[in-house]
Amino acid sequence: MMSVCAVACVDSGQFAVVRRCRRRSTGVQFAAKSIRKRRSSSSRRGAQLHDIEREVALLAELDYHRHVVALYEVYESAADVTLILELYVDRS
């Protein structure tokens, strides 16, 4: 399990917030995407668990593809799922 701390908010959307974070031991930076889970099937807030699982499965399957950010770790709590991803910085 990687020990990371959030540095800054990068972006947010309807179901998720992406924060820039860094590994405490090395200082290497990552993106932490926190996705809110839907609490009930009738709720409109949050993403359905099967959609989150599908995203994780696709990222794992396309691991190390040069056009897809790498998935390093997945953490799950009662309220959300956090994906630790490769941090892509657009330098253009």
C-alpha atoms as a PDB file:
ATOM      1  CA  MET A   1       0.000   0.000   0.000  1.00  0.00           C
ATOM      2  CA  MET A   2       1.377   3.336  -1.102  1.00  0.00           C
ATOM      3  CA  SER A   3       1.432   6.228   1.392  1.00  0.00           C
ATOM      4  CA  VAL A   4       0.412   9.364  -0.510  1.00  0.00           C
ATOM      5  CA  CYS A   5      -0.711  12.852   0.400  1.00  0.00           C
ATOM      6  CA  ALA A   6      -2.865  15.183  -1.711  1.00  0.00           C
ATOM      7  CA  VAL A   7      -1.081  18.240  -3.084  1.00  0.00           C
ATOM      8  CA  ALA A   8      -3.708  20.056  -5.186  1.00  0.00           C
ATOM      9  CA  CYS A   9      -7.065  19.574  -6.910  1.00  0.00           C
ATOM     10  CA  VAL A  10      -6.585  19.077 -10.652  1.00  0.00           C
ATOM     11  CA  ASP A  11     -10.178  18.764 -11.858  1.00  0.00           C
ATOM     12  CA  SER A  12     -13.648  17.661 -10.799  1.00  0.00           C
ATOM     13  CA  GLY A  13     -16.722  16.329 -12.496  1.00  0.00           C
ATOM     14  CA  GLN A  14     -20.176  14.987 -11.709  1.00  0.00           C
ATOM     15  CA  PHE A  15     -18.940  11.799 -10.008  1.00  0.00           C
ATOM     16  CA  ALA A  16     -15.214  12.278  -9.363  1.00  0.00           C
ATOM     17  CA  VAL A  17     -12.480  14.598  -8.157  1.00  0.00           C
ATOM     18  CA  VAL A  18      -8.898  14.297  -9.408  1.00  0.00           C
ATOM     19  CA  ARG A  19      -6.124  15.478  -7.133  1.00  0.00           C
ATOM     20  CA  ARG A  20      -2.406  15.689  -7.693  1.00  0.00           C
ATOM     21  CA  CYS A  21      -0.695  13.688  -4.952  1.00  0.00           C
ATOM     22  CA  ARG A  22       2.794  12.536  -4.105  1.00  0.00           C
ATOM     23  CA  ARG A  23       4.317   9.454  -2.531  1.00  0.00           C
ATOM     24  CA  ARG A  24       5.663  10.485   0.852  1.00  0.00           C
ATOM     25  CA  SER A  25       8.749   8.268   0.711  1.00  0.00           C
ATOM     26  CA  THR A  26       9.999   9.333  -2.748  1.00  0.00           C
ATOM     27  CA  GLY A  27       8.201  12.555  -3.703  1.00  0.00           C
ATOM     28  CA  VAL A  28       7.010  10.990  -6.996  1.00  0.00           C
ATOM     29  CA  GLN A  29       3.733  12.571  -8.131  1.00  0.00           C
ATOM     30  CA  PHE A  30       0.569  10.742  -9.173  1.00  0.00           C
ATOM     31  CA  ALA A  31      -3.074  11.535  -9.891  1.00  0.00           C
ATOM     32  CA  ALA A  32      -5.649  10.325  -7.358  1.00  0.00           C
ATOM     33  CA  LYS A  33      -9.119   9.994  -8.875  1.00  0.00           C
ATOM     34  CA  SER A  34     -11.785   9.687  -6.162  1.00  0.00           C
ATOM     35  CA  ILE A  35     -15.105   8.403  -7.510  1.00  0.00           C
ATOM     36  CA  ARG A  36     -18.217   8.663  -5.334  1.00  0.00           C
ATOM     37  CA  LYS A  37     -20.206   5.438  -5.153  1.00  0.00           C
ATOM     38  CA  ARG A  38     -23.956   5.542  -5.627  1.00  0.00           C
ATOM     39  CA  ARG A  39     -25.619   4.787  -2.296  1.00  0.00           C
ATOM     40  CA  SER A  40     -28.772   3.238  -3.726  1.00  0.00           C
ATOM     41  CA  SER A  41     -30.121   2.243  -7.121  1.00  0.00           C
ATOM     42  CA  SER A  42     -32.683   5.056  -7.015  1.00  0.00           C
ATOM     43  CA  SER A  43     -30.085   7.737  -6.220  1.00  0.00           C
ATOM     44  CA  ARG A  44     -28.684   9.961  -8.965  1.00  0.00           C
ATOM     45  CA  ARG A  45     -25.597  10.968  -6.974  1.00  0.00           C
ATOM     46  CA  GLY A  46     -22.420   8.980  -7.522  1.00  0.00           C
ATOM     47  CA  ALA A  47     -21.427   6.307  -9.998  1.00  0.00           C
ATOM     48  CA  GLN A  48     -22.791   2.784  -9.992  1.00  0.00           C
ATOM     49  CA  LEU A  49     -20.315   0.237  -8.642  1.00  0.00           C
ATOM     50  CA  HIS A  50     -20.347  -1.860 -11.822  1.00  0.00           C
ATOM     51  CA  ASP A  51     -19.330   1.233 -13.845  1.00  0.00           C
ATOM     52  CA  ILE A  52     -16.413   1.864 -11.498  1.00  0.00           C
ATOM     53  CA  GLU A  53     -15.394  -1.800 -11.674  1.00  0.00           C
ATOM     54  CA  ARG A  54     -15.518  -1.650 -15.483  1.00  0.00           C
ATOM     55  CA  GLU A  55     -13.252   1.434 -15.517  1.00  0.00           C
ATOM     56  CA  VAL A  56     -10.758  -0.309 -13.226  1.00  0.00           C
ATOM     57  CA  ALA A  57     -10.832  -3.473 -15.369  1.00  0.00           C
ATOM     58  CA  LEU A  58     -10.222  -1.498 -18.576  1.00  0.00           C
ATOM     59  CA  LEU A  59      -7.335   0.446 -17.052  1.00  0.00           C
ATOM     60  CA  ALA A  60      -5.811  -2.786 -15.733  1.00  0.00           C
ATOM     61  CA  GLU A  61      -6.202  -4.496 -19.114  1.00  0.00           C
ATOM     62  CA  LEU A  62      -4.586  -1.595 -20.980  1.00  0.00           C
ATOM     63  CA  ASP A  63      -1.744  -1.343 -18.474  1.00  0.00           C
ATOM     64  CA  TYR A  64       1.380   0.222 -19.977  1.00  0.00           C
ATOM     65  CA  HIS A  65      -0.284   1.200 -23.248  1.00  0.00           C
ATOM     66  CA  ARG A  66       1.443   4.359 -24.440  1.00  0.00           C
ATOM     67  CA  HIS A  67      -1.834   6.266 -24.926  1.00  0.00           C
ATOM     68  CA  VAL A  68      -3.476   5.306 -21.611  1.00  0.00           C
ATOM     69  CA  VAL A  69      -2.428   6.457 -18.137  1.00  0.00           C
ATOM     70  CA  ALA A  70      -1.187   3.640 -15.907  1.00  0.00           C
ATOM     71  CA  LEU A  71      -3.252   2.403 -12.960  1.00  0.00           C
ATOM     72  CA  TYR A  72      -1.052   1.780  -9.909  1.00  0.00           C
ATOM     73  CA  GLU A  73      -3.419   1.089  -7.009  1.00  0.00           C
ATOM     74  CA  VAL A  74      -7.120   1.050  -6.088  1.00  0.00           C
ATOM     75  CA  TYR A  75      -8.526   1.901  -2.645  1.00  0.00           C
ATOM     76  CA  GLU A  76     -12.165   1.445  -1.667  1.00  0.00           C
ATOM     77  CA  SER A  77     -14.110   2.881   1.257  1.00  0.00           C
ATOM     78  CA  ALA A  78     -17.814   2.841   2.041  1.00  0.00           C
ATOM     79  CA  ALA A  79     -18.355   6.130   0.178  1.00  0.00           C
ATOM     80  CA  ASP A  80     -15.868   6.104  -2.695  1.00  0.00           C
ATOM     81  CA  VAL A  81     -13.234   4.348  -4.769  1.00  0.00           C
ATOM     82  CA  THR A  82      -9.850   6.037  -5.288  1.00  0.00           C
ATOM     83  CA  LEU A  83      -7.655   5.183  -8.250  1.00  0.00           C
ATOM     84  CA  ILE A  84      -3.950   6.043  -8.047  1.00  0.00           C
ATOM     85  CA  LEU A  85      -2.977   6.820 -11.634  1.00  0.00           C
ATOM     86  CA  GLU A  86      -0.009   7.994 -13.627  1.00  0.00           C
ATOM     87  CA  LEU A  87       0.038  11.802 -13.617  1.00  0.00           C
ATOM     88  CA  TYR A  88      -0.106  13.191 -17.150  1.00  0.00           C
ATOM     89  CA  VAL A  89       1.079  16.774 -17.498  1.00  0.00           C
ATOM     90  CA  ASP A  90       0.308  18.503 -20.804  1.00  0.00           C
ATOM     91  CA  ARG A  91       3.441  20.470 -21.673  1.00  0.00           C
ATOM     92  CA  SER A  92       2.056  22.137 -24.823  1.00  0.00           C
END
